[in-house]
Protein backbone atom coordinates (compact mmCIF):
# COMPACT_ATOMS: atom_id res chain seq x y z
CA UNK A 1 -0.10 -0.12 0.08
CA UNK A 2 0.88 3.08 -0.63
CA UNK A 3 -0.11 6.85 0.27
CA UNK A 4 -1.86 8.95 -2.03
CA UNK A 5 -0.12 11.80 -2.02
CA UNK A 6 -2.30 13.56 -4.60
CA UNK A 7 -5.41 12.54 -2.41
CA UNK A 8 -3.46 14.28 0.73
CA UNK A 9 -2.67 17.49 -1.07
CA UNK A 10 -6.26 18.01 -2.01
CA UNK A 11 -8.25 16.93 0.92
CA UNK A 12 -6.16 17.44 4.06
CA UNK A 13 -3.31 19.88 3.19
CA UNK A 14 -4.46 22.20 0.21
CA UNK A 15 -1.45 22.65 -0.61
CA UNK A 16 1.10 20.99 -3.55
CA UNK A 17 3.89 19.19 -1.85
CA UNK A 18 7.77 19.40 -3.26
CA UNK A 19 9.31 15.99 -4.15
CA UNK A 20 11.04 16.53 -0.51
CA UNK A 21 8.26 16.76 1.34
CA UNK A 22 6.76 13.80 -0.22
CA UNK A 23 9.59 11.83 0.57
CA UNK A 24 9.36 12.85 4.08
CA UNK A 25 5.92 12.43 4.28
CA UNK A 26 6.81 8.27 3.76
CA UNK A 27 6.83 7.77 7.40
CA UNK A 28 2.82 8.06 7.46
CA UNK A 29 1.58 4.49 7.46
CA UNK A 30 -1.78 3.10 5.97
CA UNK A 31 -3.63 0.85 7.72
CA UNK A 32 -6.89 -0.84 6.58
CA UNK A 33 -10.40 -2.02 9.04
CA UNK A 34 -13.12 -3.78 8.42
CA UNK A 35 -16.79 -2.57 9.03
CA UNK A 36 -17.15 -2.81 13.01
CA UNK A 37 -13.54 -2.71 13.83
CA UNK A 38 -12.03 -0.29 16.22
CA UNK A 39 -9.53 1.89 14.83
CA UNK A 40 -9.23 3.50 18.06
CA UNK A 41 -9.72 1.91 21.61
CA UNK A 42 -10.64 4.68 24.64
CA UNK A 43 -8.02 3.84 26.95
CA UNK A 44 -5.01 3.15 24.70
CA UNK A 45 -1.79 5.38 24.42
CA UNK A 46 -2.05 8.33 22.20
CA UNK A 47 0.63 10.27 20.34
CA UNK A 48 -0.72 9.26 16.80
CA UNK A 49 -2.68 11.67 14.09
CA UNK A 50 -5.20 9.70 11.95
CA UNK A 51 -6.58 10.67 9.15
CA UNK A 52 -9.41 8.56 7.18
CA UNK A 53 -8.76 8.32 3.50
CA UNK A 54 -11.85 6.33 2.99
CA UNK A 55 -14.63 4.89 4.95
CA UNK A 56 -16.95 5.97 7.56
CA UNK A 57 -16.32 5.90 11.31
CA UNK A 58 -18.09 6.95 14.42
CA UNK A 59 -16.41 8.29 17.64
CA UNK A 60 -18.10 7.09 20.58
CA UNK A 61 -17.62 7.92 24.51
CA UNK A 62 -18.22 4.57 26.60
CA UNK A 63 -17.51 5.92 29.66
CA UNK A 64 -20.71 6.78 30.62
CA UNK A 65 -22.92 5.14 33.58
CA UNK A 66 -26.22 5.26 30.63
CA UNK A 67 -24.14 3.41 27.95
CA UNK A 68 -22.20 4.84 25.25
CA UNK A 69 -22.30 8.20 23.40
CA UNK A 70 -22.19 8.85 19.97
CA UNK A 71 -19.91 11.90 19.98
CA UNK A 72 -19.18 12.61 16.04
CA UNK A 73 -19.04 10.49 12.87
CA UNK A 74 -15.68 10.80 10.48
CA UNK A 75 -15.82 11.00 6.53
CA UNK A 76 -13.36 10.89 4.47
CA UNK A 77 -10.40 13.26 5.01
CA UNK A 78 -11.29 14.17 8.31
CA UNK A 79 -8.41 14.12 10.96
CA UNK A 80 -8.82 12.62 14.35
CA UNK A 81 -7.04 11.48 17.37
CA UNK A 82 -4.92 14.78 17.39
CA UNK A 83 -5.46 16.04 20.92
CA UNK A 84 -3.90 13.11 22.29
CA UNK A 85 -1.45 13.69 18.84
CA UNK A 86 -0.29 16.89 20.40
CA UNK A 87 -0.76 15.98 24.42
CA UNK A 88 0.63 12.27 24.14
CA UNK A 89 -2.36 11.34 26.72
CA UNK A 90 -4.55 8.44 26.72
CA UNK A 91 -7.17 7.94 24.31
CA UNK A 92 -10.98 9.53 25.19
CA UNK A 93 -12.99 7.56 22.73
CA UNK A 94 -13.55 4.56 20.65
CA UNK A 95 -13.39 5.26 16.60
CA UNK A 96 -14.86 2.50 15.15
CA UNK A 97 -15.35 1.68 11.21
CA UNK A 98 -18.91 1.52 10.18
CA UNK A 99 -18.02 0.82 6.48
CA UNK A 100 -14.53 -0.79 5.69
CA UNK A 101 -11.79 1.79 6.18
CA UNK A 102 -8.37 2.77 4.92
CA UNK A 103 -6.55 5.26 7.75
CA UNK A 104 -3.19 7.38 7.51
CA UNK A 105 -1.81 7.28 10.94
CA UNK A 106 1.51 9.66 11.53
CA UNK A 107 3.36 9.08 14.74
CA UNK A 108 4.25 12.03 17.15
CA UNK A 109 7.99 10.80 16.86
CA UNK A 110 7.73 10.88 12.93
CA UNK A 111 5.99 14.43 13.26
CA UNK A 112 8.82 15.64 15.50
CA UNK A 113 11.61 14.35 13.09
CA UNK A 114 9.50 16.45 10.40
CA UNK A 115 9.04 19.74 12.44
CA UNK A 116 13.55 19.65 12.12
CA UNK A 117 13.51 18.31 8.47
CA UNK A 118 10.30 20.45 7.07
CA UNK A 119 9.44 22.79 8.93
CA UNK A 120 6.99 24.33 6.52
CA UNK A 121 5.27 20.85 6.25
CA UNK A 122 4.81 20.62 9.45
CA UNK A 123 3.41 23.77 10.03
CA UNK A 124 0.79 23.12 7.61
CA UNK A 125 -0.05 19.59 9.14
CA UNK A 126 -0.38 21.70 12.29
CA UNK A 127 -2.26 24.61 10.80
CA UNK A 128 -4.77 21.69 9.65
CA UNK A 129 -5.09 20.39 13.09
CA UNK A 130 -5.93 23.79 14.69
CA UNK A 131 -8.48 24.43 11.69
CA UNK A 132 -10.22 20.73 12.69
CA UNK A 133 -10.23 21.90 16.48
CA UNK A 134 -11.87 25.61 15.46
CA UNK A 135 -14.71 23.38 13.48
CA UNK A 136 -15.27 21.23 16.83
CA UNK A 137 -15.39 24.11 19.05
CA UNK A 138 -17.67 26.27 16.33
CA UNK A 139 -20.25 23.18 16.22
CA UNK A 140 -20.24 22.35 19.83
CA UNK A 141 -20.81 26.21 20.99
CA UNK A 142 -23.63 26.01 17.75
CA UNK A 143 -25.21 23.84 19.91
CA UNK A 144 -24.50 24.75 23.45
CA UNK A 145 -25.70 28.10 23.12
CA UNK A 146 -29.32 27.16 22.90
CA UNK A 147 -29.30 24.64 25.57
CA UNK A 148 -27.93 27.54 27.99
CA UNK A 149 -30.13 29.83 26.99
CA UNK A 150 -33.13 28.06 27.91
CA UNK A 151 -31.74 26.94 30.87
CA UNK A 152 -30.93 30.37 32.08
CA UNK A 153 -34.67 31.03 31.26
CA UNK A 154 -35.82 28.02 33.52
CA UNK A 155 -33.68 29.43 36.31
CA UNK A 156 -35.38 32.48 36.20
CA UNK A 157 -38.39 31.00 36.45
CA UNK A 158 -37.91 29.57 39.71
CA UNK A 159 -40.31 30.72 42.12
CA UNK A 160 -38.45 33.22 44.47
CA UNK A 161 -39.36 31.28 47.76
CA UNK A 162 -37.17 27.95 46.35
CA UNK A 163 -33.70 30.38 45.61
CA UNK A 164 -34.56 31.77 49.27
CA UNK A 165 -34.56 28.28 50.71
CA UNK A 166 -31.54 26.82 48.58
CA UNK A 167 -29.49 30.11 50.14
CA UNK A 168 -30.67 29.28 53.63
CA UNK A 169 -29.62 25.31 53.70
CA UNK A 170 -26.12 26.71 52.13
CA UNK A 171 -25.82 29.15 54.75
CA UNK A 172 -27.24 26.84 57.45
CA UNK A 173 -24.71 24.09 56.24
CA UNK A 174 -21.46 26.38 56.79
CA UNK A 175 -22.65 27.80 59.72
CA UNK A 176 -22.90 23.77 60.92
CA UNK A 177 -19.45 23.08 59.82
CA UNK A 178 -17.94 26.18 60.94
CA UNK A 179 -19.19 25.52 64.37
CA UNK A 180 -18.09 21.83 64.37
CA UNK A 181 -14.54 23.11 63.19
CA UNK A 182 -14.11 25.55 66.09
CA UNK A 183 -15.31 22.40 68.59
């Protein structure tokens, strides 16, 4: 299997690579995953950047009392695993192939070598990571803002008596704790 540099230029990096940059990206590994296989398992060691070359995958957080929660769908050209790639922490979610997938993988060590040898290329990859993170943050903001507005309206509607009772309970607890600590 070989890396499709033309695809990488057009779908991910958005710039034409020089022959030297293509040679430097020879460190990228290509992996295939069948439908239902885990690409990333929650809790595994991080430090790898993934690019979905083809297929469809989903991101799920299964660290919940009420079961797993689907966080995102990944389609061709999506960068993922970027947080653990940058901070080298364990992965925080599962990524599972929903269709047969081909994934490009770049290790943190190989990226460090790129930074030393191909600074412009490393900068381009880092810029794509930041663009991806920015899109995620903006999407979250779009989803959370209406929910926060609704919650704010509901808090305003809580009767004054309940607010006063809650305050009395909190103050009473603080006074009791202070009294116990002074004994």
